[in-house]
Amino acid sequence: MLNILGRPNAKRDAIGKVVGHQLEVYAAAVPRLGGATAHMMRYLAGVFEVPVGAIQVVFGERSVNKQIRIKSPKHLPAPIQGKPK
């Protein structure tokens, strides 16, 4: 389980820092009809090295505050590992 603070309309897709109990995720997509969330899930699938179907939005589909479930991630980004980028 991962709490996400979504940042749509970003210049590029990127993993940000941990803010409180949420991981900032920047998405280069417009937040319209869940499109930014779908784009973000495709990006995160690449980051965590899992198929898109292995990521489930538990809540917050159309909110910047999301909780997602990632099944068997093969890679963890540096902010989650506690290492600098």
PDB file of N, CA and C in Angstrom:
ATOM      1  N   MET A   1       0.856  -1.177   0.000  1.00  0.00           N
ATOM      2  CA  MET A   1       0.000   0.000   0.000  1.00  0.00           C
ATOM      3  C   MET A   1       0.890   1.224   0.000  1.00  0.00           C
ATOM      4  N   LEU A   2       0.473   2.222  -0.749  1.00  0.00           N
ATOM      5  CA  LEU A   2       1.260   3.444  -0.878  1.00  0.00           C
ATOM      6  C   LEU A   2       0.306   4.629  -0.948  1.00  0.00           C
ATOM      7  N   ASN A   3       0.578   5.648  -0.147  1.00  0.00           N
ATOM      8  CA  ASN A   3      -0.196   6.888  -0.199  1.00  0.00           C
ATOM      9  C   ASN A   3       0.510   7.837  -1.151  1.00  0.00           C
ATOM     10  N   ILE A   4      -0.247   8.381  -2.082  1.00  0.00           N
ATOM     11  CA  ILE A   4       0.291   9.231  -3.136  1.00  0.00           C
ATOM     12  C   ILE A   4      -0.278  10.639  -3.010  1.00  0.00           C
ATOM     13  N   LEU A   5       0.583  11.626  -3.228  1.00  0.00           N
ATOM     14  CA  LEU A   5       0.160  13.015  -3.400  1.00  0.00           C
ATOM     15  C   LEU A   5       0.417  13.323  -4.862  1.00  0.00           C
ATOM     16  N   GLY A   6      -0.638  13.289  -5.670  1.00  0.00           N
ATOM     17  CA  GLY A   6      -0.512  13.492  -7.108  1.00  0.00           C
ATOM     18  C   GLY A   6      -0.290  14.951  -7.464  1.00  0.00           C
ATOM     19  N   ARG A   7       0.591  15.169  -8.416  1.00  0.00           N
ATOM     20  CA  ARG A   7       0.880  16.513  -8.926  1.00  0.00           C
ATOM     21  C   ARG A   7       0.686  16.499 -10.447  1.00  0.00           C
ATOM     22  N   PRO A   8      -0.567  16.680 -10.906  1.00  0.00           N
ATOM     23  CA  PRO A   8      -0.819  16.669 -12.354  1.00  0.00           C
ATOM     24  C   PRO A   8      -0.303  17.943 -13.015  1.00  0.00           C
ATOM     25  N   ASN A   9      -0.340  17.968 -14.334  1.00  0.00           N
ATOM     26  CA  ASN A   9       0.117  19.105 -15.139  1.00  0.00           C
ATOM     27  C   ASN A   9       1.594  19.420 -14.943  1.00  0.00           C
ATOM     28  N   ALA A  10       2.377  18.419 -14.591  1.00  0.00           N
ATOM     29  CA  ALA A  10       3.811  18.611 -14.406  1.00  0.00           C
ATOM     30  C   ALA A  10       4.508  18.658 -15.764  1.00  0.00           C
ATOM     31  N   LYS A  11       5.726  19.189 -15.785  1.00  0.00           N
ATOM     32  CA  LYS A  11       6.493  19.231 -17.031  1.00  0.00           C
ATOM     33  C   LYS A  11       6.907  17.841 -17.478  1.00  0.00           C
ATOM     34  N   ARG A  12       7.113  16.940 -16.491  1.00  0.00           N
ATOM     35  CA  ARG A  12       7.504  15.569 -16.816  1.00  0.00           C
ATOM     36  C   ARG A  12       7.033  14.636 -15.701  1.00  0.00           C
ATOM     37  N   ASP A  13       6.994  13.360 -16.006  1.00  0.00           N
ATOM     38  CA  ASP A  13       6.664  12.364 -14.990  1.00  0.00           C
ATOM     39  C   ASP A  13       7.875  12.196 -14.078  1.00  0.00           C
ATOM     40  N   ALA A  14       7.634  12.166 -12.779  1.00  0.00           N
ATOM     41  CA  ALA A  14       8.741  12.020 -11.837  1.00  0.00           C
ATOM     42  C   ALA A  14       8.236  11.620 -10.459  1.00  0.00           C
ATOM     43  N   ILE A  15       9.126  10.986  -9.715  1.00  0.00           N
ATOM     44  CA  ILE A  15       8.882  10.687  -8.309  1.00  0.00           C
ATOM     45  C   ILE A  15       9.489  11.833  -7.521  1.00  0.00           C
ATOM     46  N   GLY A  16       8.719  12.398  -6.613  1.00  0.00           N
ATOM     47  CA  GLY A  16       9.205  13.492  -5.784  1.00  0.00           C
ATOM     48  C   GLY A  16       9.661  12.987  -4.433  1.00  0.00           C
ATOM     49  N   LYS A  17       9.511  13.835  -3.454  1.00  0.00           N
ATOM     50  CA  LYS A  17       9.937  13.479  -2.100  1.00  0.00           C
ATOM     51  C   LYS A  17       8.742  12.955  -1.298  1.00  0.00           C
ATOM     52  N   VAL A  18       9.031  12.489  -0.123  1.00  0.00           N
ATOM     53  CA  VAL A  18       7.976  12.063   0.794  1.00  0.00           C
ATOM     54  C   VAL A  18       7.505  13.303   1.551  1.00  0.00           C
ATOM     55  N   VAL A  19       6.205  13.562   1.498  1.00  0.00           N
ATOM     56  CA  VAL A  19       5.596  14.707   2.180  1.00  0.00           C
ATOM     57  C   VAL A  19       4.640  14.150   3.227  1.00  0.00           C
ATOM     58  N   GLY A  20       5.022  14.266   4.491  1.00  0.00           N
ATOM     59  CA  GLY A  20       4.205  13.663   5.543  1.00  0.00           C
ATOM     60  C   GLY A  20       4.207  12.160   5.385  1.00  0.00           C
ATOM     61  N   HIS A  21       3.060  11.591   5.094  1.00  0.00           N
ATOM     62  CA  HIS A  21       2.947  10.139   4.885  1.00  0.00           C
ATOM     63  C   HIS A  21       2.632   9.796   3.430  1.00  0.00           C
ATOM     64  N   GLN A  22       2.863  10.775   2.519  1.00  0.00           N
ATOM     65  CA  GLN A  22       2.552  10.567   1.108  1.00  0.00           C
ATOM     66  C   GLN A  22       3.798  10.734   0.241  1.00  0.00           C
ATOM     67  N   LEU A  23       3.846   9.983  -0.836  1.00  0.00           N
ATOM     68  CA  LEU A  23       4.902  10.109  -1.827  1.00  0.00           C
ATOM     69  C   LEU A  23       4.402  11.019  -2.942  1.00  0.00           C
ATOM     70  N   GLU A  24       5.146  12.077  -3.222  1.00  0.00           N
ATOM     71  CA  GLU A  24       4.777  12.970  -4.326  1.00  0.00           C
ATOM     72  C   GLU A  24       5.059  12.263  -5.648  1.00  0.00           C
ATOM     73  N   VAL A  25       4.083  12.293  -6.549  1.00  0.00           N
ATOM     74  CA  VAL A  25       4.260  11.742  -7.886  1.00  0.00           C
ATOM     75  C   VAL A  25       3.785  12.797  -8.874  1.00  0.00           C
ATOM     76  N   TYR A  26       4.710  13.242  -9.727  1.00  0.00           N
ATOM     77  CA  TYR A  26       4.397  14.245 -10.741  1.00  0.00           C
ATOM     78  C   TYR A  26       3.972  13.535 -12.017  1.00  0.00           C
ATOM     79  N   ALA A  27       2.895  14.022 -12.618  1.00  0.00           N
ATOM     80  CA  ALA A  27       2.368  13.418 -13.845  1.00  0.00           C
ATOM     81  C   ALA A  27       2.217  14.492 -14.916  1.00  0.00           C
ATOM     82  N   ALA A  28       2.788  14.220 -16.072  1.00  0.00           N
ATOM     83  CA  ALA A  28       2.680  15.137 -17.207  1.00  0.00           C
ATOM     84  C   ALA A  28       1.382  14.830 -17.949  1.00  0.00           C
ATOM     85  N   ALA A  29       0.275  15.017 -17.258  1.00  0.00           N
ATOM     86  CA  ALA A  29      -1.043  14.749 -17.837  1.00  0.00           C
ATOM     87  C   ALA A  29      -2.047  15.720 -17.234  1.00  0.00           C
ATOM     88  N   VAL A  30      -3.078  16.008 -18.008  1.00  0.00           N
ATOM     89  CA  VAL A  30      -4.136  16.904 -17.573  1.00  0.00           C
ATOM     90  C   VAL A  30      -5.121  16.134 -16.695  1.00  0.00           C
ATOM     91  N   PRO A  31      -5.490  16.703 -15.541  1.00  0.00           N
ATOM     92  CA  PRO A  31      -6.426  16.000 -14.646  1.00  0.00           C
ATOM     93  C   PRO A  31      -7.871  16.120 -15.126  1.00  0.00           C
ATOM     94  N   ARG A  32      -8.212  15.337 -16.139  1.00  0.00           N
ATOM     95  CA  ARG A  32      -9.555  15.392 -16.696  1.00  0.00           C
ATOM     96  C   ARG A  32     -10.124  13.987 -16.785  1.00  0.00           C
ATOM     97  N   LEU A  33     -11.236  13.753 -16.118  1.00  0.00           N
ATOM     98  CA  LEU A  33     -11.946  12.470 -16.156  1.00  0.00           C
ATOM     99  C   LEU A  33     -11.060  11.283 -15.777  1.00  0.00           C
ATOM    100  N   GLY A  34     -10.178  11.474 -14.793  1.00  0.00           N
ATOM    101  CA  GLY A  34      -9.313  10.388 -14.336  1.00  0.00           C
ATOM    102  C   GLY A  34      -8.131  10.108 -15.240  1.00  0.00           C
ATOM    103  N   GLY A  35      -7.927  10.934 -16.258  1.00  0.00           N
ATOM    104  CA  GLY A  35      -6.832  10.712 -17.208  1.00  0.00           C
ATOM    105  C   GLY A  35      -5.458  10.836 -16.582  1.00  0.00           C
ATOM    106  N   ALA A  36      -5.299  11.773 -15.654  1.00  0.00           N
ATOM    107  CA  ALA A  36      -4.003  11.936 -14.989  1.00  0.00           C
ATOM    108  C   ALA A  36      -3.711  10.727 -14.104  1.00  0.00           C
ATOM    109  N   THR A  37      -4.728  10.192 -13.462  1.00  0.00           N
ATOM    110  CA  THR A  37      -4.533   9.015 -12.615  1.00  0.00           C
ATOM    111  C   THR A  37      -4.123   7.817 -13.470  1.00  0.00           C
ATOM    112  N   ALA A  38      -4.791   7.604 -14.579  1.00  0.00           N
ATOM    113  CA  ALA A  38      -4.443   6.494 -15.468  1.00  0.00           C
ATOM    114  C   ALA A  38      -3.016   6.645 -15.982  1.00  0.00           C
ATOM    115  N   HIS A  39      -2.657   7.868 -16.357  1.00  0.00           N
ATOM    116  CA  HIS A  39      -1.301   8.146 -16.825  1.00  0.00           C
ATOM    117  C   HIS A  39      -0.299   7.851 -15.707  1.00  0.00           C
ATOM    118  N   MET A  40      -0.615   8.292 -14.493  1.00  0.00           N
ATOM    119  CA  MET A  40       0.262   8.083 -13.339  1.00  0.00           C
ATOM    120  C   MET A  40       0.436   6.592 -13.053  1.00  0.00           C
ATOM    121  N   MET A  41      -0.609   5.787 -13.175  1.00  0.00           N
ATOM    122  CA  MET A  41      -0.509   4.354 -12.906  1.00  0.00           C
ATOM    123  C   MET A  41       0.394   3.675 -13.946  1.00  0.00           C
ATOM    124  N   ARG A  42       0.311   4.113 -15.202  1.00  0.00           N
ATOM    125  CA  ARG A  42       1.205   3.567 -16.234  1.00  0.00           C
ATOM    126  C   ARG A  42       2.655   3.934 -15.926  1.00  0.00           C
ATOM    127  N   TYR A  43       2.874   5.172 -15.499  1.00  0.00           N
ATOM    128  CA  TYR A  43       4.226   5.614 -15.131  1.00  0.00           C
ATOM    129  C   TYR A  43       4.737   4.809 -13.933  1.00  0.00           C
ATOM    130  N   LEU A  44       3.912   4.662 -12.899  1.00  0.00           N
ATOM    131  CA  LEU A  44       4.329   3.937 -11.703  1.00  0.00           C
ATOM    132  C   LEU A  44       4.590   2.458 -11.994  1.00  0.00           C
ATOM    133  N   ALA A  45       3.864   1.882 -12.940  1.00  0.00           N
ATOM    134  CA  ALA A  45       4.116   0.494 -13.326  1.00  0.00           C
ATOM    135  C   ALA A  45       5.553   0.349 -13.821  1.00  0.00           C
ATOM    136  N   GLY A  46       6.023   1.314 -14.585  1.00  0.00           N
ATOM    137  CA  GLY A  46       7.405   1.288 -15.055  1.00  0.00           C
ATOM    138  C   GLY A  46       8.399   1.494 -13.917  1.00  0.00           C
ATOM    139  N   VAL A  47       8.085   2.411 -13.017  1.00  0.00           N
ATOM    140  CA  VAL A  47       8.972   2.691 -11.883  1.00  0.00           C
ATOM    141  C   VAL A  47       9.119   1.469 -10.984  1.00  0.00           C
ATOM    142  N   PHE A  48       8.007   0.813 -10.676  1.00  0.00           N
ATOM    143  CA  PHE A  48       8.027  -0.342  -9.777  1.00  0.00           C
ATOM    144  C   PHE A  48       8.281  -1.660 -10.518  1.00  0.00           C
ATOM    145  N   GLU A  49       8.412  -1.569 -11.849  1.00  0.00           N
ATOM    146  CA  GLU A  49       8.692  -2.725 -12.703  1.00  0.00           C
ATOM    147  C   GLU A  49       7.647  -3.832 -12.542  1.00  0.00           C
ATOM    148  N   VAL A  50       6.392  -3.420 -12.682  1.00  0.00           N
ATOM    149  CA  VAL A  50       5.267  -4.356 -12.628  1.00  0.00           C
ATOM    150  C   VAL A  50       4.336  -4.067 -13.806  1.00  0.00           C
ATOM    151  N   PRO A  51       3.474  -5.013 -14.179  1.00  0.00           N
ATOM    152  CA  PRO A  51       2.466  -4.705 -15.195  1.00  0.00           C
ATOM    153  C   PRO A  51       1.443  -3.706 -14.637  1.00  0.00           C
ATOM    154  N   VAL A  52       0.826  -2.939 -15.497  1.00  0.00           N
ATOM    155  CA  VAL A  52      -0.158  -1.945 -15.067  1.00  0.00           C
ATOM    156  C   VAL A  52      -1.261  -2.606 -14.241  1.00  0.00           C
ATOM    157  N   GLY A  53      -1.628  -3.816 -14.583  1.00  0.00           N
ATOM    158  CA  GLY A  53      -2.669  -4.530 -13.861  1.00  0.00           C
ATOM    159  C   GLY A  53      -2.302  -4.882 -12.421  1.00  0.00           C
ATOM    160  N   ALA A  54      -1.024  -4.756 -12.067  1.00  0.00           N
ATOM    161  CA  ALA A  54      -0.584  -5.059 -10.701  1.00  0.00           C
ATOM    162  C   ALA A  54      -0.769  -3.860  -9.769  1.00  0.00           C
ATOM    163  N   ILE A  55      -1.228  -2.738 -10.333  1.00  0.00           N
ATOM    164  CA  ILE A  55      -1.460  -1.536  -9.525  1.00  0.00           C
ATOM    165  C   ILE A  55      -2.958  -1.277  -9.456  1.00  0.00           C
ATOM    166  N   GLN A  56      -3.447  -1.126  -8.242  1.00  0.00           N
ATOM    167  CA  GLN A  56      -4.868  -0.874  -8.020  1.00  0.00           C
ATOM    168  C   GLN A  56      -5.027   0.413  -7.218  1.00  0.00           C
ATOM    169  N   VAL A  57      -5.905   1.293  -7.676  1.00  0.00           N
ATOM    170  CA  VAL A  57      -6.228   2.499  -6.910  1.00  0.00           C
ATOM    171  C   VAL A  57      -7.288   2.102  -5.889  1.00  0.00           C
ATOM    172  N   VAL A  58      -6.918   2.153  -4.617  1.00  0.00           N
ATOM    173  CA  VAL A  58      -7.835   1.770  -3.542  1.00  0.00           C
ATOM    174  C   VAL A  58      -8.853   2.887  -3.325  1.00  0.00           C
ATOM    175  N   PHE A  59      -8.367   4.125  -3.236  1.00  0.00           N
ATOM    176  CA  PHE A  59      -9.271   5.272  -3.207  1.00  0.00           C
ATOM    177  C   PHE A  59      -8.544   6.502  -3.739  1.00  0.00           C
ATOM    178  N   GLY A  60      -9.341   7.488  -4.164  1.00  0.00           N
ATOM    179  CA  GLY A  60      -8.786   8.738  -4.665  1.00  0.00           C
ATOM    180  C   GLY A  60      -8.586   8.774  -6.165  1.00  0.00           C
ATOM    181  N   GLU A  61      -9.367   8.003  -6.908  1.00  0.00           N
ATOM    182  CA  GLU A  61      -9.231   7.956  -8.375  1.00  0.00           C
ATOM    183  C   GLU A  61      -9.206   9.354  -8.996  1.00  0.00           C
ATOM    184  N   ARG A  62     -10.050  10.245  -8.497  1.00  0.00           N
ATOM    185  CA  ARG A  62     -10.133  11.599  -9.062  1.00  0.00           C
ATOM    186  C   ARG A  62      -9.740  12.654  -8.048  1.00  0.00           C
ATOM    187  N   SER A  63      -8.778  12.333  -7.215  1.00  0.00           N
ATOM    188  CA  SER A  63      -8.288  13.254  -6.192  1.00  0.00           C
ATOM    189  C   SER A  63      -6.758  13.257  -6.242  1.00  0.00           C
ATOM    190  N   VAL A  64      -6.143  14.317  -5.753  1.00  0.00           N
ATOM    191  CA  VAL A  64      -4.676  14.338  -5.682  1.00  0.00           C
ATOM    192  C   VAL A  64      -4.191  13.418  -4.572  1.00  0.00           C
ATOM    193  N   ASN A  65      -5.038  13.146  -3.587  1.00  0.00           N
ATOM    194  CA  ASN A  65      -4.703  12.230  -2.496  1.00  0.00           C
ATOM    195  C   ASN A  65      -5.218  10.846  -2.848  1.00  0.00           C
ATOM    196  N   LYS A  66      -4.295   9.910  -3.052  1.00  0.00           N
ATOM    197  CA  LYS A  66      -4.661   8.562  -3.479  1.00  0.00           C
ATOM    198  C   LYS A  66      -4.005   7.533  -2.578  1.00  0.00           C
ATOM    199  N   GLN A  67      -4.595   6.373  -2.555  1.00  0.00           N
ATOM    200  CA  GLN A  67      -3.951   5.224  -1.944  1.00  0.00           C
ATOM    201  C   GLN A  67      -3.966   4.135  -3.003  1.00  0.00           C
ATOM    202  N   ILE A  68      -2.793   3.562  -3.251  1.00  0.00           N
ATOM    203  CA  ILE A  68      -2.697   2.518  -4.263  1.00  0.00           C
ATOM    204  C   ILE A  68      -2.096   1.265  -3.644  1.00  0.00           C
ATOM    205  N   ARG A  69      -2.405   0.150  -4.279  1.00  0.00           N
ATOM    206  CA  ARG A  69      -1.850  -1.144  -3.872  1.00  0.00           C
ATOM    207  C   ARG A  69      -1.016  -1.634  -5.056  1.00  0.00           C
ATOM    208  N   ILE A  70       0.223  -1.994  -4.779  1.00  0.00           N
ATOM    209  CA  ILE A  70       1.111  -2.513  -5.820  1.00  0.00           C
ATOM    210  C   ILE A  70       1.465  -3.946  -5.459  1.00  0.00           C
ATOM    211  N   LYS A  71       1.120  -4.857  -6.355  1.00  0.00           N
ATOM    212  CA  LYS A  71       1.362  -6.274  -6.104  1.00  0.00           C
ATOM    213  C   LYS A  71       2.772  -6.654  -6.556  1.00  0.00           C
ATOM    214  N   SER A  72       3.571  -7.142  -5.646  1.00  0.00           N
ATOM    215  CA  SER A  72       4.920  -7.664  -5.897  1.00  0.00           C
ATOM    216  C   SER A  72       5.821  -6.709  -6.680  1.00  0.00           C
ATOM    217  N   PRO A  73       6.085  -5.501  -6.151  1.00  0.00           N
ATOM    218  CA  PRO A  73       6.983  -4.588  -6.861  1.00  0.00           C
ATOM    219  C   PRO A  73       8.393  -5.170  -6.934  1.00  0.00           C
ATOM    220  N   LYS A  74       9.025  -5.003  -8.085  1.00  0.00           N
ATOM    221  CA  LYS A  74      10.380  -5.511  -8.278  1.00  0.00           C
ATOM    222  C   LYS A  74      11.430  -4.448  -7.971  1.00  0.00           C
ATOM    223  N   HIS A  75      11.014  -3.193  -7.899  1.00  0.00           N
ATOM    224  CA  HIS A  75      11.938  -2.081  -7.651  1.00  0.00           C
ATOM    225  C   HIS A  75      11.235  -1.054  -6.781  1.00  0.00           C
ATOM    226  N   LEU A  76      11.973  -0.451  -5.858  1.00  0.00           N
ATOM    227  CA  LEU A  76      11.432   0.631  -5.038  1.00  0.00           C
ATOM    228  C   LEU A  76      12.214   1.906  -5.323  1.00  0.00           C
ATOM    229  N   PRO A  77      11.527   3.037  -5.556  1.00  0.00           N
ATOM    230  CA  PRO A  77      12.219   4.294  -5.794  1.00  0.00           C
ATOM    231  C   PRO A  77      13.000   4.735  -4.560  1.00  0.00           C
ATOM    232  N   ALA A  78      14.034   5.524  -4.779  1.00  0.00           N
ATOM    233  CA  ALA A  78      14.916   5.980  -3.697  1.00  0.00           C
ATOM    234  C   ALA A  78      14.178   6.621  -2.517  1.00  0.00           C
ATOM    235  N   PRO A  79      13.182   7.514  -2.725  1.00  0.00           N
ATOM    236  CA  PRO A  79      12.517   8.117  -1.566  1.00  0.00           C
ATOM    237  C   PRO A  79      11.838   7.098  -0.647  1.00  0.00           C
ATOM    238  N   ILE A  80      11.386   6.000  -1.192  1.00  0.00           N
ATOM    239  CA  ILE A  80      10.749   4.960  -0.377  1.00  0.00           C
ATOM    240  C   ILE A  80      11.803   4.152   0.372  1.00  0.00           C
ATOM    241  N   GLN A  81      12.950   3.959  -0.253  1.00  0.00           N
ATOM    242  CA  GLN A  81      14.037   3.229   0.370  1.00  0.00           C
ATOM    243  C   GLN A  81      14.736   4.057   1.446  1.00  0.00           C
ATOM    244  N   GLY A  82      14.466   5.362   1.473  1.00  0.00           N
ATOM    245  CA  GLY A  82      15.124   6.238   2.423  1.00  0.00           C
ATOM    246  C   GLY A  82      16.481   6.714   1.937  1.00  0.00           C
ATOM    247  N   LYS A  83      16.749   6.545   0.648  1.00  0.00           N
ATOM    248  CA  LYS A  83      18.017   6.986   0.059  1.00  0.00           C
ATOM    249  C   LYS A  83      17.788   8.268  -0.726  1.00  0.00           C
ATOM    250  N   PRO A  84      18.784   9.130  -0.834  1.00  0.00           N
ATOM    251  CA  PRO A  84      18.637  10.311  -1.692  1.00  0.00           C
ATOM    252  C   PRO A  84      18.568   9.890  -3.151  1.00  0.00           C
ATOM    253  N   LYS A  85      17.963  10.746  -3.987  1.00  0.00           N
ATOM    254  CA  LYS A  85      17.821  10.446  -5.421  1.00  0.00           C
ATOM    255  C   LYS A  85      19.154  10.220  -6.083  1.00  0.00           C
TER     256      LYS A  85
END
